[in-house]
Protein backbone atom coordinates (compact mmCIF):
# COMPACT_ATOMS: atom_id res chain seq x y z
CA UNK A 1 89.47 220.16 192.93
CA UNK A 2 85.77 219.58 193.33
CA UNK A 3 86.12 218.13 189.65
CA UNK A 4 88.86 215.88 190.69
CA UNK A 5 86.64 214.56 194.05
CA UNK A 6 83.75 213.97 192.04
CA UNK A 7 85.86 212.09 189.17
CA UNK A 8 87.38 209.78 192.63
CA UNK A 9 83.78 209.30 193.99
CA UNK A 10 82.80 208.09 190.79
CA UNK A 11 85.60 205.49 190.59
CA UNK A 12 84.94 204.52 193.84
CA UNK A 13 81.22 203.51 193.36
CA UNK A 14 81.86 201.86 190.27
CA UNK A 15 84.55 199.60 192.16
CA UNK A 16 82.00 199.03 194.82
CA UNK A 17 79.40 197.95 192.25
CA UNK A 18 81.72 195.64 190.56
CA UNK A 19 82.53 194.00 193.96
CA UNK A 20 79.11 193.71 194.81
CA UNK A 21 78.23 192.19 191.60
CA UNK A 22 80.97 189.73 191.94
CA UNK A 23 79.74 188.77 195.23
CA UNK A 24 76.39 188.37 193.87
CA UNK A 25 77.24 186.39 191.13
CA UNK A 26 79.20 184.23 193.45
CA UNK A 27 76.67 183.71 196.09
CA UNK A 28 73.26 183.22 193.48
CA UNK A 29 71.92 179.68 192.96
CA UNK A 30 72.92 178.33 189.19
CA UNK A 31 70.05 178.12 186.85
CA UNK A 32 68.58 174.93 187.04
CA UNK A 33 69.30 172.38 184.17
CA UNK A 34 66.30 172.16 181.72
CA UNK A 35 65.84 169.96 178.76
CA UNK A 36 63.08 170.47 175.91
CA UNK A 37 61.27 167.03 174.97
CA UNK A 38 57.62 165.38 174.08
CA UNK A 39 56.25 162.19 174.77
CA UNK A 40 56.59 159.66 172.38
CA UNK A 41 55.02 155.80 171.57
CA UNK A 42 55.57 152.85 169.93
CA UNK A 43 52.26 151.86 168.45
CA UNK A 44 51.21 148.38 167.91
CA UNK A 45 49.84 148.35 164.28
CA UNK A 46 47.42 145.01 164.19
CA UNK A 47 46.54 143.44 160.85
CA UNK A 48 45.29 140.22 159.37
CA UNK A 49 47.70 137.52 158.47
CA UNK A 50 46.05 137.01 154.88
CA UNK A 51 44.18 139.00 152.54
CA UNK A 52 40.28 139.16 153.02
CA UNK A 53 37.38 141.55 153.31
CA UNK A 54 36.77 143.15 156.59
CA UNK A 55 33.30 141.66 158.38
CA UNK A 56 33.21 143.13 161.72
CA UNK A 57 35.17 145.77 163.79
CA UNK A 58 34.58 145.29 167.49
CA UNK A 59 36.56 148.44 168.96
CA UNK A 60 36.70 151.98 168.28
CA UNK A 61 39.13 154.78 169.00
CA UNK A 62 39.94 155.61 172.52
CA UNK A 63 38.48 152.24 173.83
CA UNK A 64 40.52 150.67 176.43
CA UNK A 65 40.91 146.89 175.87
CA UNK A 66 42.27 143.51 177.50
CA UNK A 67 44.73 141.30 176.06
CA UNK A 68 42.57 138.63 174.09
CA UNK A 69 39.70 141.08 173.46
CA UNK A 70 38.40 140.58 169.81
CA UNK A 71 39.38 143.50 167.26
CA UNK A 72 37.84 142.68 164.03
CA UNK A 73 36.84 139.75 161.56
CA UNK A 74 37.52 138.78 158.04
CA UNK A 75 35.00 136.81 155.84
CA UNK A 76 35.20 132.95 156.50
CA UNK A 77 33.59 131.37 154.04
CA UNK A 78 36.48 130.41 151.57
CA UNK A 79 38.30 129.08 154.37
CA UNK A 80 35.47 127.17 156.18
CA UNK A 81 35.21 125.24 152.98
CA UNK A 82 38.69 124.51 152.52
CA UNK A 83 38.70 123.09 156.27
CA UNK A 84 35.42 121.13 155.51
CA UNK A 85 37.44 119.59 152.31
CA UNK A 86 40.57 119.07 154.13
CA UNK A 87 38.88 117.25 156.96
CA UNK A 88 36.77 114.83 154.32
CA UNK A 89 40.08 114.05 152.94
CA UNK A 90 41.65 112.90 156.29
CA UNK A 91 38.36 110.96 157.05
CA UNK A 92 38.89 109.21 153.53
CA UNK A 93 42.40 108.65 154.12
CA UNK A 94 41.91 107.01 157.65
CA UNK A 95 39.25 104.78 156.47
CA UNK A 96 41.93 103.55 153.26
CA UNK A 97 44.55 102.69 155.82
CA UNK A 98 41.81 101.23 158.15
CA UNK A 99 40.95 98.84 154.83
CA UNK A 100 44.48 98.14 154.29
CA UNK A 101 44.94 97.07 157.96
CA UNK A 102 41.95 95.04 158.48
CA UNK A 103 42.07 91.50 157.62
CA UNK A 104 38.59 89.26 156.25
CA UNK A 105 35.07 89.66 157.45
CA UNK A 106 33.64 88.11 160.59
CA UNK A 107 31.61 86.12 158.64
CA UNK A 108 34.49 84.70 156.38
CA UNK A 109 36.94 84.19 159.65
CA UNK A 110 34.02 82.09 161.47
CA UNK A 111 33.58 79.78 158.15
CA UNK A 112 37.37 79.47 158.24
CA UNK A 113 37.72 78.37 161.74
CA UNK A 114 34.86 76.10 161.10
CA UNK A 115 36.51 74.55 158.45
CA UNK A 116 39.80 74.12 160.26
CA UNK A 117 37.98 72.36 163.41
CA UNK A 118 36.15 70.01 160.53
CA UNK A 119 39.50 69.33 159.10
CA UNK A 120 41.08 68.41 162.60
CA UNK A 121 37.79 66.09 163.49
CA UNK A 122 38.80 64.11 160.18
CA UNK A 123 42.64 64.29 161.01
CA UNK A 124 41.97 62.77 164.39
CA UNK A 125 39.45 59.99 162.86
CA UNK A 126 41.65 59.10 159.99
CA UNK A 127 44.92 58.56 162.21
CA UNK A 128 42.94 56.54 164.60
CA UNK A 129 41.89 54.51 161.86
CA UNK A 130 45.20 54.04 160.55
CA UNK A 131 47.01 52.92 163.59
CA UNK A 132 44.18 50.55 164.48
CA UNK A 133 44.65 48.79 160.89
CA UNK A 134 48.31 48.63 161.39
CA UNK A 135 48.15 46.48 164.65
CA UNK A 136 45.49 44.59 162.77
CA UNK A 137 47.86 43.99 159.96
CA UNK A 138 50.56 42.55 162.22
CA UNK A 139 47.87 39.95 163.57
CA UNK A 140 46.72 39.19 160.13
CA UNK A 141 43.02 40.45 160.70
CA UNK A 142 43.42 43.01 157.69
CA UNK A 143 45.38 43.35 154.34
CA UNK A 144 48.28 45.53 153.39
CA UNK A 145 46.07 47.43 150.65
CA UNK A 146 43.78 48.42 153.48
CA UNK A 147 46.45 50.01 155.56
CA UNK A 148 47.96 51.74 152.58
CA UNK A 149 44.37 53.37 152.16
CA UNK A 150 44.16 54.42 155.58
CA UNK A 151 47.62 56.02 155.57
CA UNK A 152 47.03 57.97 152.84
CA UNK A 153 43.55 59.17 154.11
CA UNK A 154 45.42 60.05 157.17
CA UNK A 155 48.04 62.24 154.87
CA UNK A 156 45.45 63.87 153.18
CA UNK A 157 43.55 64.86 156.31
CA UNK A 158 47.20 66.07 157.93
CA UNK A 159 47.20 68.40 154.47
CA UNK A 160 43.57 69.62 154.91
CA UNK A 161 44.19 70.55 158.42
CA UNK A 162 47.49 73.04 157.34
CA UNK A 163 45.41 74.31 154.53
CA UNK A 164 42.92 75.53 157.03
CA UNK A 165 45.08 76.82 159.35
CA UNK A 166 46.91 78.86 156.41
CA UNK A 167 43.57 80.13 155.45
CA UNK A 168 42.28 81.49 158.71
CA UNK A 169 45.51 83.04 159.14
CA UNK A 170 45.33 84.64 155.78
CA UNK A 171 42.27 85.74 156.98
CA UNK A 172 43.72 87.44 160.20
CA UNK A 173 46.27 89.10 158.41
CA UNK A 174 46.21 92.53 156.56
CA UNK A 175 44.82 92.99 153.40
CA UNK A 176 47.80 95.63 152.10
CA UNK A 177 51.32 94.67 152.12
CA UNK A 178 53.76 96.35 154.05
CA UNK A 179 54.79 99.08 151.40
CA UNK A 180 51.06 99.81 150.81
CA UNK A 181 50.57 100.38 154.51
CA UNK A 182 53.22 102.54 154.85
CA UNK A 183 52.48 104.66 152.04
CA UNK A 184 48.77 105.27 153.19
CA UNK A 185 50.39 105.98 156.58
CA UNK A 186 52.21 108.73 154.91
CA UNK A 187 48.92 109.70 153.05
CA UNK A 188 47.04 110.16 156.59
CA UNK A 189 49.79 112.24 157.73
CA UNK A 190 49.70 114.82 155.02
CA UNK A 191 46.10 115.00 154.96
CA UNK A 192 46.14 115.87 158.88
CA UNK A 193 48.51 118.63 158.19
CA UNK A 194 46.49 120.25 155.22
CA UNK A 195 43.45 120.17 157.74
CA UNK A 196 45.85 121.44 160.42
CA UNK A 197 47.04 124.36 157.85
CA UNK A 198 43.16 124.96 156.60
CA UNK A 199 42.20 125.35 160.34
CA UNK A 200 44.91 128.04 161.52
CA UNK A 201 43.94 130.06 158.32
CA UNK A 202 40.41 130.09 159.73
CA UNK A 203 41.43 130.87 163.17
CA UNK A 204 43.50 134.05 161.78
CA UNK A 205 40.20 135.12 160.25
CA UNK A 206 39.18 136.30 163.98
CA UNK A 207 41.81 138.58 165.46
CA UNK A 208 42.51 139.55 169.18
CA UNK A 209 44.53 142.11 170.92
CA UNK A 210 47.91 140.63 171.77
CA UNK A 211 48.31 143.05 174.67
CA UNK A 212 46.57 145.60 177.28
CA UNK A 213 46.19 148.62 175.23
CA UNK A 214 44.23 151.89 174.21
CA UNK A 215 42.90 151.99 170.62
CA UNK A 216 44.72 155.09 168.98
CA UNK A 217 43.53 154.57 165.39
CA UNK A 218 41.23 152.73 163.16
CA UNK A 219 42.77 152.61 160.14
CA UNK A 220 40.26 150.06 158.12
CA UNK A 221 36.55 149.69 158.15
CA UNK A 222 34.25 146.83 157.30
CA UNK A 223 33.69 146.42 153.77
CA UNK A 224 37.08 147.16 152.79
CA UNK A 225 39.25 144.32 151.27
CA UNK A 226 42.61 144.28 153.55
CA UNK A 227 45.97 142.99 152.10
CA UNK A 228 47.97 140.66 154.37
CA UNK A 229 49.82 142.28 157.13
CA UNK A 230 48.02 145.60 156.15
CA UNK A 231 47.34 147.73 159.60
CA UNK A 232 43.55 147.59 160.77
CA UNK A 233 43.55 148.72 164.38
CA UNK A 234 46.32 150.69 166.31
CA UNK A 235 47.26 150.16 169.39
CA UNK A 236 48.91 151.84 172.08
CA UNK A 237 50.08 149.81 175.39
CA UNK A 238 50.89 152.18 178.47
CA UNK A 239 54.33 150.41 178.79
CA UNK A 240 55.13 151.54 175.11
CA UNK A 241 55.06 155.27 176.00
CA UNK A 242 58.12 156.97 176.37
CA UNK A 243 59.60 160.70 176.26
CA UNK A 244 62.28 162.20 173.93
CA UNK A 245 64.47 165.08 174.97
CA UNK A 246 67.63 166.70 173.30
CA UNK A 247 70.74 167.34 175.35
CA UNK A 248 73.26 170.00 174.14
CA UNK A 249 76.63 168.99 172.92
CA UNK A 250 78.23 170.18 176.11
CA UNK A 251 75.91 168.47 178.13
CA UNK A 252 75.98 164.84 176.87
CA UNK A 253 78.96 163.73 178.84
CA UNK A 254 76.64 164.09 182.11
CA UNK A 255 74.26 161.95 180.69
CA UNK A 256 74.02 158.29 180.92
CA UNK A 257 72.33 154.95 180.02
CA UNK A 258 70.16 153.71 182.97
CA UNK A 259 70.13 157.29 184.96
CA UNK A 260 66.77 158.45 185.87
CA UNK A 261 65.80 161.80 184.91
CA UNK A 262 62.56 163.87 186.07
CA UNK A 263 59.87 164.72 183.91
CA UNK A 264 57.43 168.07 184.46
CA UNK A 265 54.66 169.01 182.17
CA UNK A 266 51.58 171.36 182.51
CA UNK A 267 48.70 169.67 184.41
CA UNK A 268 50.62 166.71 185.23
CA UNK A 269 51.30 165.37 188.77
CA UNK A 270 54.59 166.08 190.56
CA UNK A 271 57.35 163.46 190.89
CA UNK A 272 57.42 161.87 187.34
CA UNK A 273 60.48 160.49 186.33
CA UNK A 274 62.13 157.76 183.75
CA UNK A 275 64.97 156.01 183.21
CA UNK A 276 67.16 156.71 180.27
CA UNK A 277 66.86 153.70 177.66
CA UNK A 278 68.76 155.43 174.25
CA UNK A 279 71.36 158.05 173.66
CA UNK A 280 71.78 159.07 170.10
CA UNK A 281 75.23 158.33 168.86
CA UNK A 282 74.58 161.23 165.86
CA UNK A 283 74.19 164.94 166.49
CA UNK A 284 71.56 167.07 165.07
CA UNK A 285 70.24 170.47 164.78
CA UNK A 286 67.44 171.32 167.59
CA UNK A 287 64.15 170.07 165.51
CA UNK A 288 61.41 172.34 164.74
CA UNK A 289 59.21 170.63 167.33
CA UNK A 290 61.09 172.53 170.13
CA UNK A 291 62.75 175.21 167.97
CA UNK A 292 63.48 178.61 169.59
CA UNK A 293 65.57 181.62 168.60
CA UNK A 294 68.13 180.65 171.45
CA UNK A 295 68.53 177.37 170.25
CA UNK A 296 68.12 177.57 166.49
CA UNK A 297 71.97 176.89 165.98
CA UNK A 298 72.54 174.34 168.94
CA UNK A 299 73.91 170.93 168.12
CA UNK A 300 71.61 168.20 170.22
CA UNK A 301 71.73 164.52 170.74
CA UNK A 302 68.22 162.48 171.07
CA UNK A 303 68.28 161.11 174.25
CA UNK A 304 65.03 158.77 175.25
CA UNK A 305 63.58 157.83 178.97
CA UNK A 306 61.44 155.47 179.62
CA UNK A 307 58.76 156.14 182.97
CA UNK A 308 57.46 153.44 185.09
CA UNK A 309 54.30 151.35 183.42
CA UNK A 310 51.79 153.46 185.71
CA UNK A 311 53.22 156.90 184.92
CA UNK A 312 53.43 156.32 181.68
CA UNK A 313 49.78 155.93 181.40
CA UNK A 314 49.27 159.52 182.65
CA UNK A 315 51.52 160.90 179.15
CA UNK A 316 49.94 161.55 176.19
CA UNK A 317 52.13 161.24 172.72
CA UNK A 318 53.12 164.55 171.36
CA UNK A 319 52.78 166.48 174.79
CA UNK A 320 55.33 169.06 175.76
CA UNK A 321 57.85 167.66 178.59
CA UNK A 322 60.51 169.37 180.74
CA UNK A 323 63.20 167.18 181.73
CA UNK A 324 65.84 167.58 184.39
CA UNK A 325 68.33 165.66 185.78
CA UNK A 326 68.02 164.30 189.04
CA UNK A 327 70.86 164.79 191.51
CA UNK A 328 72.76 161.79 192.77
CA UNK A 329 72.08 162.46 196.37
CA UNK A 330 68.31 162.27 195.62
CA UNK A 331 67.99 159.68 193.10
CA UNK A 332 65.29 156.97 193.27
């Protein structure tokens, strides 16, 4: 009988314990959701637009620079020579065009004007003599032969005036014909374009920062010949820092583009957050960077979130980050 009572008591104790466990599991706060990730960045790798010898480097690793700050220079001697040659060719083409557009010399034009004035004076005198002889012929005071000679002199004076007018006009007209002038104008434009190209190439030998950034790395040093577009300086603009984290497959439906998530890390200030900017469409196994025994066989999706610029500068690429969803009621 005593054994039966003990057995009944044990059963009652087990039932009470099970009920208490169920009640505690129902009342306890669910574990918070935490996704593992790390800070990452899109680096801006700056290099020359053309091959050349690296001559100077103005920055070092870790320097904070502003947009437009000098980064490095290349050897300019070949481009300076090409620029000077193009400038001389342009000046020569302009002189040739000016010569085609110009008329006679100033002294030649003055001489032609004097000849025209003399011819006009002769014409006036010959015209007067001819008309006076015609009147004298009517009254019998001169002969027809004399009138004929004066008429010929008058016509000759008219012809000389026309000749001198044409000579003066010729001196004022351009020396070149229209086709020659048009061709030379094209030559001037081509020479100007060649000068612009050489000037641009020369300007590209001095490379400046495209944006405010921190110098992340120096890839080439003075004395090295750098190929076109080969990186020399690696820059890290603050706005290019973001957080990559991995969401389990079962939680993917709760993550959406444009939503905000909270960040936390060792030594970081509180209230860090970012906006989800990318969700990978492809599942993958947990990457080695955040690999653990509990997640070794789980499929996850890569998600990226970008913090505001003033918070991004507080993060360092490669830094472990914990990411938590922000409840909808308290979203910023």
